[in-house]
Amino acid sequence: MSETKTIGLFYGSSTCYTEMAGEKIRNVIHTLMGEECVDFFNIADTPIIQTQFYDYLIFGIPTWDYGELQEHWEEIWDELDELDFTGKKIAIYGLGDQVGYPEWFLDAMGYLHSKLVHRGATPFGYWPRAGYEFEASKALTADGNYFVGLALDDENEFQLSDARIQQWCAQILKEFGL
């Protein structure tokens, strides 16, 4: 376990959009807390077991096509079942396309949330559903009012992403108690 209050940010990205969103999140947290507060990892290059060295975790995951996992997440998906996230505070951000794939908007974020909670993680960073237009999503809370993490649609609402990231980062840092 980490002795410091460093956050581990782990993302998977095929087209760089999830990586770019992660960089923005990292930069906002650096501004709010200092430059040494976020360690940044692409899961394609870093073993997922590295998550075990952090008490605070942010995960970035895009949804592909018809509610599918991004390729690097798919490759390590079963490895998550071998990890213990008990006592770890997590927040997730997801990227999706609510216009092109309205029946599966951010499904992968919902899958990841479910898996991590099942492995003992305590989730934070739920995000209001208001302002999005889609048909269905596995990333909604049971009451349907919130996403289980920050919902980004850089395909259709890129102009809203920076403000959403700013607000969400302040929210999760407060919820994490940092």
Protein backbone atom coordinates (compact mmCIF):
# COMPACT_ATOMS: atom_id res chain seq x y z
CA MET A 1 0.00 0.00 0.00
CA SER A 2 1.08 3.50 -0.75
CA GLU A 3 2.21 5.65 2.19
CA THR A 4 1.45 8.84 0.27
CA LYS A 5 -1.79 10.19 -1.09
CA THR A 6 -0.77 9.51 -4.67
CA ILE A 7 -3.54 8.55 -7.07
CA GLY A 8 -2.95 5.83 -9.65
CA LEU A 9 -4.66 6.60 -12.97
CA PHE A 10 -4.95 3.56 -15.24
CA TYR A 11 -6.50 3.76 -18.70
CA GLY A 12 -6.87 1.79 -21.91
CA SER A 13 -7.00 3.66 -25.20
CA SER A 14 -6.90 2.64 -28.85
CA THR A 15 -7.59 6.01 -30.47
CA CYS A 16 -5.96 8.28 -27.85
CA TYR A 17 -9.23 9.91 -26.72
CA THR A 18 -9.29 8.08 -23.39
CA GLU A 19 -5.61 8.85 -22.95
CA MET A 20 -6.17 12.54 -23.71
CA ALA A 21 -9.05 12.68 -21.23
CA GLY A 22 -6.78 11.03 -18.66
CA GLU A 23 -4.08 13.61 -19.32
CA LYS A 24 -6.63 16.37 -18.73
CA ILE A 25 -7.74 14.71 -15.48
CA ARG A 26 -4.12 14.35 -14.38
CA ASN A 27 -3.44 18.02 -15.20
CA VAL A 28 -6.48 19.26 -13.29
CA ILE A 29 -5.51 17.20 -10.23
CA HIS A 30 -1.93 18.47 -10.52
CA THR A 31 -3.29 22.01 -10.47
CA LEU A 32 -5.45 21.29 -7.44
CA MET A 33 -3.02 19.13 -5.42
CA GLY A 34 0.49 19.35 -6.84
CA GLU A 35 2.44 17.68 -9.62
CA GLU A 36 3.45 14.55 -7.71
CA CYS A 37 -0.12 13.47 -6.89
CA VAL A 38 -1.00 11.34 -9.94
CA ASP A 39 0.89 8.42 -11.45
CA PHE A 40 -0.31 7.82 -15.03
CA PHE A 41 -0.42 4.35 -16.62
CA ASN A 42 -1.52 2.88 -19.94
CA ILE A 43 -2.72 -0.67 -19.20
CA ALA A 44 -1.21 -1.79 -22.51
CA ASP A 45 2.25 -1.08 -21.02
CA THR A 46 1.74 -1.56 -17.28
CA PRO A 47 0.67 -4.76 -15.52
CA ILE A 48 -2.73 -4.24 -13.87
CA ILE A 49 -1.33 -5.63 -10.60
CA GLN A 50 0.30 -2.19 -10.20
CA THR A 51 -3.12 -0.97 -9.04
CA GLN A 52 -2.46 -2.75 -5.76
CA PHE A 53 0.12 -0.11 -4.77
CA TYR A 54 -2.51 2.66 -4.60
CA ASP A 55 -5.32 3.41 -2.18
CA TYR A 56 -6.86 5.90 -4.61
CA LEU A 57 -7.49 4.83 -8.19
CA ILE A 58 -8.94 6.38 -11.31
CA PHE A 59 -9.75 4.13 -14.25
CA GLY A 60 -10.41 5.24 -17.82
CA ILE A 61 -12.30 2.98 -20.21
CA PRO A 62 -13.95 3.61 -23.57
CA THR A 63 -16.89 1.62 -24.87
CA TRP A 64 -16.41 0.17 -28.34
CA ASP A 65 -19.10 -0.53 -30.90
CA TYR A 66 -22.04 -2.40 -29.41
CA GLY A 67 -21.13 -2.15 -25.71
CA GLU A 68 -17.76 -3.87 -26.02
CA LEU A 69 -14.56 -3.51 -24.01
CA GLN A 70 -11.59 -1.71 -25.49
CA GLU A 71 -8.94 -4.22 -26.64
CA HIS A 72 -6.40 -3.64 -23.83
CA TRP A 73 -9.09 -3.89 -21.16
CA GLU A 74 -10.33 -7.09 -22.80
CA GLU A 75 -6.80 -8.55 -22.66
CA ILE A 76 -6.46 -8.01 -18.87
CA TRP A 77 -10.14 -8.44 -17.92
CA ASP A 78 -9.73 -11.84 -16.23
CA GLU A 79 -6.63 -10.64 -14.33
CA LEU A 80 -8.89 -8.21 -12.42
CA ASP A 81 -10.60 -11.24 -10.85
CA GLU A 82 -7.32 -12.12 -9.15
CA LEU A 83 -6.91 -8.72 -7.47
CA ASP A 84 -8.28 -7.47 -4.16
CA PHE A 85 -9.61 -3.91 -4.22
CA THR A 86 -10.87 -3.96 -0.63
CA GLY A 87 -10.25 -0.60 1.01
CA LYS A 88 -9.42 1.09 -2.29
CA LYS A 89 -11.31 4.21 -3.32
CA ILE A 90 -11.99 4.23 -7.05
CA ALA A 91 -13.44 6.60 -9.62
CA ILE A 92 -14.04 5.76 -13.26
CA TYR A 93 -14.33 7.88 -16.37
CA GLY A 94 -15.69 6.48 -19.58
CA LEU A 95 -15.88 7.55 -23.19
CA GLY A 96 -18.72 6.63 -25.49
CA ASP A 97 -20.82 7.77 -28.43
CA GLN A 98 -24.40 8.50 -27.40
CA VAL A 99 -25.48 9.28 -30.98
CA GLY A 100 -23.82 6.47 -32.93
CA TYR A 101 -24.35 3.79 -30.26
CA PRO A 102 -27.29 5.03 -28.15
CA GLU A 103 -28.29 1.55 -26.95
CA TRP A 104 -24.86 0.82 -25.47
CA PHE A 105 -23.67 4.23 -24.24
CA LEU A 106 -20.76 3.72 -21.81
CA ASP A 107 -21.57 0.05 -21.18
CA ALA A 108 -17.88 -0.77 -20.63
CA MET A 109 -17.73 1.72 -17.76
CA GLY A 110 -20.64 -0.14 -16.17
CA TYR A 111 -18.90 -3.49 -16.63
CA LEU A 112 -15.69 -2.19 -15.03
CA HIS A 113 -17.55 -0.60 -12.12
CA SER A 114 -19.39 -3.85 -11.42
CA LYS A 115 -16.20 -5.91 -11.54
CA LEU A 116 -14.24 -3.57 -9.24
CA VAL A 117 -17.04 -3.26 -6.69
CA HIS A 118 -17.37 -7.06 -6.70
CA ARG A 119 -13.62 -7.20 -5.92
CA GLY A 120 -14.10 -4.91 -2.87
CA ALA A 121 -13.57 -1.39 -4.24
CA THR A 122 -15.48 1.58 -2.84
CA PRO A 123 -16.71 3.68 -5.78
CA PHE A 124 -16.87 7.46 -5.96
CA GLY A 125 -17.40 10.02 -8.69
CA TYR A 126 -20.93 9.23 -9.76
CA TRP A 127 -22.05 11.69 -12.42
CA PRO A 128 -25.54 13.07 -13.22
CA ARG A 129 -27.35 11.61 -16.20
CA ALA A 130 -28.99 14.95 -17.01
CA GLY A 131 -27.79 16.51 -20.24
CA TYR A 132 -27.16 13.28 -22.15
CA GLU A 133 -29.42 11.71 -24.79
CA PHE A 134 -29.18 7.94 -25.33
CA GLU A 135 -31.44 4.90 -25.24
CA ALA A 136 -29.72 2.59 -22.74
CA SER A 137 -26.58 2.20 -20.67
CA LYS A 138 -25.17 -0.41 -18.32
CA ALA A 139 -23.24 2.43 -16.65
CA LEU A 140 -26.25 3.83 -14.79
CA THR A 141 -26.92 3.51 -11.08
CA ALA A 142 -29.91 1.39 -10.03
CA ASP A 143 -32.18 4.46 -9.87
CA GLY A 144 -31.06 5.53 -13.36
CA ASN A 145 -30.21 9.08 -12.27
CA TYR A 146 -26.42 8.83 -12.31
CA PHE A 147 -23.63 7.28 -14.28
CA VAL A 148 -21.20 5.19 -12.21
CA GLY A 149 -18.44 7.58 -13.28
CA LEU A 150 -17.70 10.59 -15.44
CA ALA A 151 -19.51 10.27 -18.78
CA LEU A 152 -17.62 11.76 -21.71
CA ASP A 153 -18.71 11.83 -25.35
CA ASP A 154 -15.85 13.44 -27.25
CA GLU A 155 -17.43 12.32 -30.52
CA ASN A 156 -20.52 14.54 -30.09
CA GLU A 157 -19.90 16.80 -27.08
CA PHE A 158 -16.18 17.52 -27.11
CA GLN A 159 -16.87 21.14 -26.21
CA LEU A 160 -18.36 20.03 -22.86
CA SER A 161 -15.57 17.66 -21.81
CA ASP A 162 -13.14 20.16 -20.25
CA ALA A 163 -15.78 21.66 -17.94
CA ARG A 164 -17.06 18.21 -17.01
CA ILE A 165 -13.52 17.05 -16.21
CA GLN A 166 -12.85 20.15 -14.06
CA GLN A 167 -16.03 19.61 -12.06
CA TRP A 168 -15.55 15.86 -11.71
CA CYS A 169 -11.95 16.17 -10.51
CA ALA A 170 -12.98 18.58 -7.75
CA GLN A 171 -15.83 16.21 -6.86
CA ILE A 172 -13.69 13.05 -6.60
CA LEU A 173 -10.91 14.73 -4.65
CA LYS A 174 -13.49 15.88 -2.11
CA GLU A 175 -15.15 12.46 -2.04
CA PHE A 176 -11.73 10.77 -1.66
CA GLY A 177 -11.04 13.09 1.27
CA LEU A 178 -7.90 14.53 -0.35
